[in-house]
Protein backbone atom coordinates (compact mmCIF):
# COMPACT_ATOMS: atom_id res chain seq x y z
CA MET A 1 260.73 222.44 181.56
CA ARG A 2 262.62 220.54 184.25
CA LYS A 3 259.43 220.21 186.38
CA LEU A 4 257.48 218.94 183.37
CA LEU A 5 260.16 216.35 182.62
CA MET A 6 260.16 215.22 186.27
CA LEU A 7 256.35 214.91 186.29
CA PHE A 8 256.43 212.87 183.07
CA SER A 9 259.11 210.57 184.55
CA ILE A 10 257.06 209.96 187.71
CA MET A 11 253.94 209.19 185.67
CA LEU A 12 255.87 206.79 183.43
CA MET A 13 257.39 204.99 186.44
CA SER A 14 253.97 204.54 188.08
CA VAL A 15 252.55 203.02 184.90
CA MET A 16 255.55 200.72 184.58
CA CYS A 17 255.28 199.50 188.20
CA PHE A 18 251.65 198.41 188.08
CA SER A 19 250.17 197.45 184.76
CA LEU A 20 246.66 196.19 184.05
CA THR A 21 246.73 192.80 182.36
CA THR A 22 243.38 191.50 181.11
CA GLU A 23 242.83 187.99 179.84
CA THR A 24 241.42 188.48 176.34
CA ASN A 25 241.41 185.20 174.46
CA GLY A 26 238.23 183.25 175.22
CA ASN A 27 239.56 180.29 173.22
CA GLY A 28 242.95 180.09 174.94
CA THR A 29 242.85 178.86 178.51
CA ASP A 30 246.57 178.65 179.37
CA TRP A 31 247.74 181.35 181.82
CA ALA A 32 251.34 181.08 180.56
CA THR A 33 250.46 181.90 176.92
CA SER A 34 251.31 185.53 176.16
CA ASN A 35 248.69 185.80 173.39
CA ASN A 36 245.93 185.21 175.96
CA TRP A 37 246.68 188.58 177.61
CA ASP A 38 246.49 192.16 176.37
CA ASN A 39 249.73 193.13 178.18
CA GLY A 40 251.59 189.82 178.18
CA VAL A 41 251.70 187.17 180.90
CA PRO A 42 251.09 188.80 184.33
CA SER A 43 253.80 189.16 186.95
CA ILE A 44 253.92 190.23 190.62
CA GLY A 45 252.32 193.65 191.08
CA ASP A 46 250.17 193.48 187.92
CA VAL A 47 246.42 194.04 188.20
CA VAL A 48 244.92 190.91 186.59
CA VAL A 49 241.37 190.41 185.30
CA VAL A 50 240.25 186.92 184.25
CA LYS A 51 237.29 187.33 181.86
CA HIS A 52 237.13 183.75 180.50
CA ASN A 53 237.90 180.32 181.90
CA MET A 54 241.65 180.09 182.54
CA THR A 55 244.05 177.33 183.63
CA ILE A 56 247.33 177.51 185.51
CA GLY A 57 248.84 174.17 184.50
CA VAL A 58 250.81 171.80 186.69
CA SER A 59 254.19 173.06 185.44
CA THR A 60 253.26 176.76 185.56
CA ASN A 61 254.35 179.18 188.29
CA ALA A 62 251.93 182.07 187.73
CA GLU A 63 252.09 185.52 189.33
CA GLY A 64 249.90 188.58 189.78
CA GLY A 65 249.08 191.50 192.04
CA ASP A 66 245.37 192.27 192.46
CA ILE A 67 243.53 189.39 190.76
CA THR A 68 239.82 189.30 189.87
CA VAL A 69 238.03 186.22 188.52
CA ASN A 70 234.88 187.53 186.81
CA PHE A 71 231.38 186.22 187.55
CA GLY A 72 230.58 182.91 185.84
CA LYS A 73 234.24 182.21 184.99
CA THR A 74 236.58 179.58 186.44
CA LEU A 75 240.26 179.83 187.29
CA THR A 76 241.70 176.31 187.58
CA ILE A 77 245.05 176.03 189.39
CA THR A 78 246.97 172.74 189.23
CA GLY A 79 250.35 174.51 189.28
CA SER A 80 251.03 177.51 191.51
CA LEU A 81 249.83 181.10 191.78
CA GLU A 82 251.68 183.77 193.78
CA PHE A 83 249.90 187.09 194.34
CA ASP A 84 250.72 190.19 196.38
CA GLY A 85 247.42 192.07 196.24
CA THR A 86 243.71 191.38 196.67
CA LEU A 87 242.26 188.17 195.24
CA THR A 88 238.57 188.65 194.35
CA ASN A 89 236.68 185.54 193.31
CA THR A 90 233.28 186.45 191.85
CA GLY A 91 233.40 183.34 189.66
CA ALA A 92 234.95 180.04 190.71
CA ILE A 93 238.47 179.03 191.68
CA THR A 94 239.36 175.34 191.53
CA CYS A 95 242.78 174.83 193.09
CA THR A 96 244.47 171.51 193.74
CA GLY A 97 247.84 173.24 193.42
CA ASP A 98 249.60 175.95 195.42
CA LEU A 99 248.46 179.47 196.35
CA GLU A 100 250.92 181.94 197.89
CA PHE A 101 250.25 185.41 199.30
CA SER A 102 253.53 187.39 199.28
CA GLY A 103 252.11 190.87 199.86
CA THR A 104 253.64 193.24 202.39
CA THR A 105 250.49 195.32 203.00
CA THR A 106 246.92 194.52 204.11
CA GLU A 107 244.95 192.84 201.30
CA ASP A 108 241.73 190.82 200.98
CA LEU A 109 240.70 187.34 199.92
CA ASP A 110 237.12 188.08 198.91
CA GLY A 111 234.13 186.76 196.99
CA SER A 112 232.97 183.17 196.54
CA ASP A 113 234.24 180.41 198.84
CA PHE A 114 237.03 178.15 197.57
CA SER A 115 239.70 175.71 198.69
CA VAL A 116 243.34 175.14 197.77
CA GLY A 117 245.79 172.25 197.93
CA THR A 118 248.64 174.15 199.61
CA PHE A 119 248.68 177.71 201.00
CA THR A 120 251.70 179.87 201.89
CA ILE A 121 251.77 183.33 203.44
CA SER A 122 255.25 184.79 203.01
CA GLY A 123 255.06 188.59 202.81
CA SER A 124 256.85 190.25 205.73
CA GLY A 125 254.36 192.61 207.40
CA GLY A 126 251.57 191.52 205.06
CA LYS A 127 248.07 190.72 206.25
CA LEU A 128 245.48 188.75 204.29
CA ASN A 129 241.90 189.42 205.41
CA ILE A 130 239.84 186.26 204.73
CA LYS A 131 236.34 187.51 203.82
CA ASN A 132 234.94 184.19 202.57
CA ASN A 133 235.20 180.54 203.56
CA PHE A 134 238.73 179.58 202.58
CA SER A 135 239.76 175.93 202.96
CA VAL A 136 243.17 174.26 202.77
CA ASP A 137 243.25 170.56 201.87
CA GLY A 138 247.00 170.10 202.37
CA CYS A 139 249.78 172.10 204.00
CA THR A 140 249.72 175.69 205.22
CA TYR A 141 253.10 177.39 205.48
CA LEU A 142 253.26 180.40 207.82
CA GLN A 143 256.53 182.09 206.87
CA ALA A 144 255.64 185.74 207.56
CA GLY A 145 252.59 187.96 207.74
CA THR A 146 249.11 187.39 209.18
CA ILE A 147 246.05 185.41 208.11
CA GLU A 148 243.18 187.48 209.55
CA THR A 149 239.64 186.20 210.11
CA ASN A 150 238.77 188.20 213.26
CA GLY A 151 235.94 190.58 212.28
CA THR A 152 236.22 189.87 208.54
CA GLY A 153 233.17 187.59 208.25
CA GLY A 154 235.29 184.78 206.77
CA THR A 155 236.71 181.50 208.01
CA PHE A 156 240.05 179.74 207.51
CA ILE A 157 239.40 175.99 207.41
CA LEU A 158 241.82 173.06 207.61
CA GLU A 159 239.87 170.35 205.73
CA GLU A 160 238.96 166.85 206.92
CA ASN A 161 238.49 163.70 204.87
CA ALA A 162 235.25 161.67 204.92
CA ALA A 163 236.39 159.78 208.05
CA GLY A 164 236.81 163.07 209.94
CA THR A 165 240.61 162.93 209.91
CA LYS A 166 242.35 166.25 209.35
CA LYS A 167 244.13 166.40 206.01
CA GLY A 168 244.62 170.18 206.09
CA ARG A 169 247.41 171.09 208.50
CA ILE A 170 250.06 173.64 209.49
CA CYS A 171 253.28 172.19 208.03
CA GLU A 172 255.61 175.08 208.75
CA ALA A 173 255.38 177.98 211.18
CA THR A 174 258.66 179.86 210.94
CA GLY A 175 256.85 183.19 211.22
CA GLY A 176 253.43 184.66 210.72
CA GLU A 177 250.21 184.10 212.62
CA ILE A 178 246.52 183.29 212.28
CA ASN A 179 244.00 185.58 214.00
């Protein structure tokens, strides 16, 4: 009986640590609205699936673990999104806001190309494999971890304006690296 109780406790803890949160309300586009998700608003570590167009508004600080944007759907970020898993973009991501990778393991940025306003990598020991063309229009903050493009087939691009002047730049390099 004691072994059965221990097994049940372990299974319950694993479900509690990583929950699947699927966006379900095709009429509601606000990430921060609980009714738009089958398991409530996602948090760090949650597996997130975006099945309809979704918006992270300017005053929203959104979170997730592994995030997938489904084919033909758009995730618009004018606020901020922090994730600690793989970000798979099979649809479209429009981001004039902030994107932060805080993972502490090796994860992927995969799928369709996209750009962001500001990018931060902050997970100690984390590595983000860039497998697409990923552009930063504003600041990149290297706080910890590695941005990896070597052998991944992707590129990390600091954007230029029409005059050829760099507008994408490294604004902080207190740790981390780009390979």
